[in-house]
C-alpha atoms as a PDB file:
ATOM      1  CA  GLU A   1      21.720 -12.836  24.577  1.00  0.00           C
ATOM      2  CA  PRO A   2      19.992 -14.778  27.378  1.00  0.00           C
ATOM      3  CA  ALA A   3      17.027 -15.567  25.111  1.00  0.00           C
ATOM      4  CA  LEU A   4      19.321 -16.757  22.306  1.00  0.00           C
ATOM      5  CA  ARG A   5      21.256 -18.956  24.718  1.00  0.00           C
ATOM      6  CA  VAL A   6      17.991 -20.652  25.719  1.00  0.00           C
ATOM      7  CA  VAL A   7      17.050 -21.144  22.047  1.00  0.00           C
ATOM      8  CA  PHE A   8      20.358 -22.846  21.305  1.00  0.00           C
ATOM      9  CA  ARG A   9      20.296 -24.859  24.531  1.00  0.00           C
ATOM     10  CA  VAL A  10      16.986 -26.521  23.574  1.00  0.00           C
ATOM     11  CA  LEU A  11      17.667 -26.736  19.826  1.00  0.00           C
ATOM     12  CA  LYS A  12      18.783 -30.194  18.690  1.00  0.00           C
ATOM     13  CA  ARG A  13      22.068 -30.676  16.853  1.00  0.00           C
ATOM     14  CA  GLY A  14      21.483 -29.815  13.193  1.00  0.00           C
ATOM     15  CA  GLY A  15      18.440 -27.717  14.111  1.00  0.00           C
ATOM     16  CA  ARG A  16      18.129 -24.277  12.606  1.00  0.00           C
ATOM     17  CA  PHE A  17      17.171 -20.963  14.120  1.00  0.00           C
ATOM     18  CA  VAL A  18      15.702 -18.693  11.447  1.00  0.00           C
ATOM     19  CA  PHE A  19      15.086 -15.002  12.086  1.00  0.00           C
ATOM     20  CA  ASN A  20      14.331 -11.786  10.223  1.00  0.00           C
ATOM     21  CA  ILE A  21      15.664  -8.279  10.643  1.00  0.00           C
ATOM     22  CA  LEU A  22      15.119  -5.092   8.721  1.00  0.00           C
ATOM     23  CA  ALA A  23      17.774  -4.517   6.098  1.00  0.00           C
ATOM     24  CA  PRO A  24      19.245  -1.134   5.324  1.00  0.00           C
ATOM     25  CA  LEU A  25      16.536   0.589   3.324  1.00  0.00           C
ATOM     26  CA  GLN A  26      17.240   2.175  -0.034  1.00  0.00           C
ATOM     27  CA  ASP A  27      13.681   3.196  -0.879  1.00  0.00           C
ATOM     28  CA  GLU A  28      13.013   6.857   0.049  1.00  0.00           C
ATOM     29  CA  LEU A  29       9.410   6.200   1.054  1.00  0.00           C
ATOM     30  CA  SER A  30      10.385   3.317   3.355  1.00  0.00           C
ATOM     31  CA  GLN A  31      13.171   5.320   4.974  1.00  0.00           C
ATOM     32  CA  ARG A  32      10.837   8.221   5.679  1.00  0.00           C
ATOM     33  CA  TYR A  33       8.182   5.830   7.056  1.00  0.00           C
ATOM     34  CA  PHE A  34      10.605   4.435   9.634  1.00  0.00           C
ATOM     35  CA  GLU A  35      11.943   7.889  10.513  1.00  0.00           C
ATOM     36  CA  ILE A  36       8.405   9.069  11.238  1.00  0.00           C
ATOM     37  CA  CYS A  37       7.589   5.997  13.340  1.00  0.00           C
ATOM     38  CA  HIS A  38      10.845   6.116  15.316  1.00  0.00           C
ATOM     39  CA  GLY A  39      10.113   9.756  16.116  1.00  0.00           C
ATOM     40  CA  TYR A  40       7.033   8.672  18.058  1.00  0.00           C
ATOM     41  CA  GLU A  41       8.777   6.072  20.225  1.00  0.00           C
ATOM     42  CA  SER A  42       9.847   8.722  22.742  1.00  0.00           C
ATOM     43  CA  LEU A  43       6.165   9.562  23.313  1.00  0.00           C
ATOM     44  CA  VAL A  44       5.332   6.087  24.635  1.00  0.00           C
ATOM     45  CA  PRO A  45       5.438   6.021  28.448  1.00  0.00           C
ATOM     46  CA  ASP A  46       8.103   3.653  29.814  1.00  0.00           C
ATOM     47  CA  PHE A  47       9.140   2.519  26.314  1.00  0.00           C
ATOM     48  CA  LYS A  48      12.714   1.267  26.533  1.00  0.00           C
ATOM     49  CA  GLY A  49      13.203   0.259  22.919  1.00  0.00           C
ATOM     50  CA  TRP A  50      12.882  -3.016  21.102  1.00  0.00           C
ATOM     51  CA  GLY A  51      15.434  -5.054  23.054  1.00  0.00           C
ATOM     52  CA  ASP A  52      19.143  -5.271  22.345  1.00  0.00           C
ATOM     53  CA  PRO A  53      20.016  -2.625  19.730  1.00  0.00           C
ATOM     54  CA  ARG A  54      22.620  -4.999  18.262  1.00  0.00           C
ATOM     55  CA  ALA A  55      19.726  -7.128  16.987  1.00  0.00           C
ATOM     56  CA  SER A  56      18.760  -4.430  14.505  1.00  0.00           C
ATOM     57  CA  SER A  57      21.639  -5.086  12.099  1.00  0.00           C
ATOM     58  CA  ALA A  58      23.403  -8.084  10.580  1.00  0.00           C
ATOM     59  CA  ASP A  59      26.778  -6.949  11.983  1.00  0.00           C
ATOM     60  CA  GLY A  60      25.278  -6.496  15.433  1.00  0.00           C
ATOM     61  CA  LEU A  61      23.692  -9.944  15.369  1.00  0.00           C
ATOM     62  CA  VAL A  62      26.935 -11.524  14.228  1.00  0.00           C
ATOM     63  CA  SER A  63      28.666  -9.981  17.253  1.00  0.00           C
ATOM     64  CA  VAL A  64      26.004 -11.418  19.566  1.00  0.00           C
ATOM     65  CA  LEU A  65      25.882 -14.850  17.924  1.00  0.00           C
ATOM     66  CA  SER A  66      29.660 -15.247  17.656  1.00  0.00           C
ATOM     67  CA  ALA A  67      29.844 -15.242  21.460  1.00  0.00           C
ATOM     68  CA  ILE A  68      27.650 -18.363  21.640  1.00  0.00           C
ATOM     69  CA  ASN A  69      29.478 -21.708  21.363  1.00  0.00           C
ATOM     70  CA  GLY A  70      28.176 -24.617  19.331  1.00  0.00           C
ATOM     71  CA  ILE A  71      26.476 -22.780  16.476  1.00  0.00           C
ATOM     72  CA  SER A  72      27.401 -22.111  12.873  1.00  0.00           C
ATOM     73  CA  TRP A  73      28.338 -18.745  11.479  1.00  0.00           C
ATOM     74  CA  PRO A  74      25.086 -16.965  10.574  1.00  0.00           C
ATOM     75  CA  SER A  75      24.104 -16.665   6.949  1.00  0.00           C
ATOM     76  CA  PHE A  76      21.939 -13.828   5.654  1.00  0.00           C
ATOM     77  CA  GLU A  77      19.773 -13.626   2.569  1.00  0.00           C
ATOM     78  CA  PRO A  78      18.068 -10.402   1.529  1.00  0.00           C
ATOM     79  CA  TYR A  79      14.429 -10.331   0.538  1.00  0.00           C
ATOM     80  CA  ARG A  80      11.793  -7.673   0.014  1.00  0.00           C
ATOM     81  CA  VAL A  81       8.131  -7.326   0.836  1.00  0.00           C
ATOM     82  CA  TYR A  82       6.084  -5.123  -1.464  1.00  0.00           C
ATOM     83  CA  LEU A  83       2.880  -3.466  -0.353  1.00  0.00           C
ATOM     84  CA  GLU A  84       0.828  -2.355  -3.321  1.00  0.00           C
ATOM     85  CA  GLY A  85      -2.581  -0.813  -3.632  1.00  0.00           C
ATOM     86  CA  SER A  86      -4.542   2.268  -2.793  1.00  0.00           C
ATOM     87  CA  ARG A  87      -3.347   4.783  -0.243  1.00  0.00           C
ATOM     88  CA  GLU A  88      -5.861   3.365   2.276  1.00  0.00           C
ATOM     89  CA  THR A  89      -4.801  -0.248   1.744  1.00  0.00           C
ATOM     90  CA  VAL A  90      -1.091   0.494   2.048  1.00  0.00           C
ATOM     91  CA  PHE A  91      -1.742   2.769   5.035  1.00  0.00           C
ATOM     92  CA  ALA A  92      -3.595  -0.021   6.883  1.00  0.00           C
ATOM     93  CA  ALA A  93      -0.735  -2.462   6.236  1.00  0.00           C
ATOM     94  CA  LEU A  94       1.966  -0.018   7.340  1.00  0.00           C
ATOM     95  CA  LYS A  95       0.011   1.023  10.416  1.00  0.00           C
ATOM     96  CA  SER A  96      -0.289  -2.565  11.592  1.00  0.00           C
ATOM     97  CA  PHE A  97       3.338  -3.372  10.686  1.00  0.00           C
ATOM     98  CA  TYR A  98       4.849  -0.851  13.081  1.00  0.00           C
ATOM     99  CA  GLN A  99       3.529  -1.958  16.460  1.00  0.00           C
ATOM    100  CA  VAL A 100       4.522   1.146  18.436  1.00  0.00           C
ATOM    101  CA  ASN A 101       1.361   2.898  17.260  1.00  0.00           C
ATOM    102  CA  TYR A 102      -0.715   0.641  19.548  1.00  0.00           C
ATOM    103  CA  LEU A 103       1.177   2.008  22.549  1.00  0.00           C
ATOM    104  CA  LEU A 104       0.573   5.676  21.745  1.00  0.00           C
ATOM    105  CA  SER A 105      -2.055   7.896  23.303  1.00  0.00           C
ATOM    106  CA  PRO A 106      -5.056   8.555  21.027  1.00  0.00           C
ATOM    107  CA  ASP A 107      -3.791  12.072  20.212  1.00  0.00           C
ATOM    108  CA  HIS A 108      -0.279  10.886  19.351  1.00  0.00           C
ATOM    109  CA  ARG A 109      -1.682   7.970  17.324  1.00  0.00           C
ATOM    110  CA  ALA A 110      -3.834  10.381  15.324  1.00  0.00           C
ATOM    111  CA  SER A 111      -0.787  12.580  14.697  1.00  0.00           C
ATOM    112  CA  LEU A 112       1.287   9.589  13.539  1.00  0.00           C
ATOM    113  CA  GLU A 113      -1.519   8.435  11.253  1.00  0.00           C
ATOM    114  CA  LEU A 114      -1.861  11.899   9.735  1.00  0.00           C
ATOM    115  CA  GLU A 115       1.873  12.034   8.991  1.00  0.00           C
ATOM    116  CA  LEU A 116       1.739   8.600   7.367  1.00  0.00           C
ATOM    117  CA  ILE A 117      -1.290   9.559   5.223  1.00  0.00           C
ATOM    118  CA  GLN A 118       0.527  12.722   4.104  1.00  0.00           C
ATOM    119  CA  LEU A 119       3.656  10.711   3.279  1.00  0.00           C
ATOM    120  CA  LEU A 120       1.680   8.193   1.237  1.00  0.00           C
ATOM    121  CA  SER A 121      -0.301  10.909  -0.527  1.00  0.00           C
ATOM    122  CA  ALA A 122       2.929  12.602  -1.594  1.00  0.00           C
ATOM    123  CA  HIS A 123       4.189   9.350  -3.148  1.00  0.00           C
ATOM    124  CA  ALA A 124       0.953   8.150  -4.799  1.00  0.00           C
ATOM    125  CA  LYS A 125       1.245   7.820  -8.565  1.00  0.00           C
ATOM    126  CA  GLY A 126      -1.313   7.597 -11.276  1.00  0.00           C
ATOM    127  CA  ALA A 127      -4.727   6.591 -10.010  1.00  0.00           C
ATOM    128  CA  GLY A 128      -3.562   6.920  -6.410  1.00  0.00           C
ATOM    129  CA  LYS A 129      -1.728   3.598  -6.523  1.00  0.00           C
ATOM    130  CA  LEU A 130       1.247   3.015  -4.250  1.00  0.00           C
ATOM    131  CA  LYS A 131       4.068   0.525  -4.057  1.00  0.00           C
ATOM    132  CA  VAL A 132       6.098   0.423  -0.855  1.00  0.00           C
ATOM    133  CA  GLU A 133       9.183  -1.741  -0.574  1.00  0.00           C
ATOM    134  CA  LEU A 134      10.316  -3.080   2.814  1.00  0.00           C
ATOM    135  CA  ALA A 135      13.765  -4.687   2.818  1.00  0.00           C
ATOM    136  CA  PHE A 136      14.597  -7.537   5.197  1.00  0.00           C
ATOM    137  CA  LEU A 137      17.377 -10.014   5.868  1.00  0.00           C
ATOM    138  CA  LYS A 138      16.556 -13.637   6.631  1.00  0.00           C
ATOM    139  CA  GLY A 139      19.180 -15.054   8.946  1.00  0.00           C
ATOM    140  CA  VAL A 140      19.910 -18.735   9.608  1.00  0.00           C
ATOM    141  CA  VAL A 141      22.079 -20.261  12.315  1.00  0.00           C
ATOM    142  CA  GLU A 142      22.517 -23.994  12.815  1.00  0.00           C
ATOM    143  CA  LYS A 143      23.394 -25.849  15.999  1.00  0.00           C
ATOM    144  CA  VAL A 144      26.514 -27.929  15.401  1.00  0.00           C
END
């Protein structure tokens, strides 16, 4: 909340604050990817999470933003990002997407990477091609 209050304090009237959050995932591969990654967060020394847990859902963000005066009701628009290609290409994109892997010890990172390779291998179709869908919500709030 303190960071959002600063954003809206310096934003001019009519200015927009645009943000993205992960949407509820329907795709089995994407769900399993995030389950695997979240399982490694407890292995990172002094990791306290990714900030306010309310910021991980549209309902949670609405509860935070509704407490701030002088802004419009947030609007949300779903969109999807598709990662397509070989197992190696998709693996590289997913590995860089989830930043917690950079905080892991080398042994834990190797374990995470092995689990992700196994997950992708199990879902590869045809000539080893993959398509992973990541669902997001784009949120917009305007200063009134």
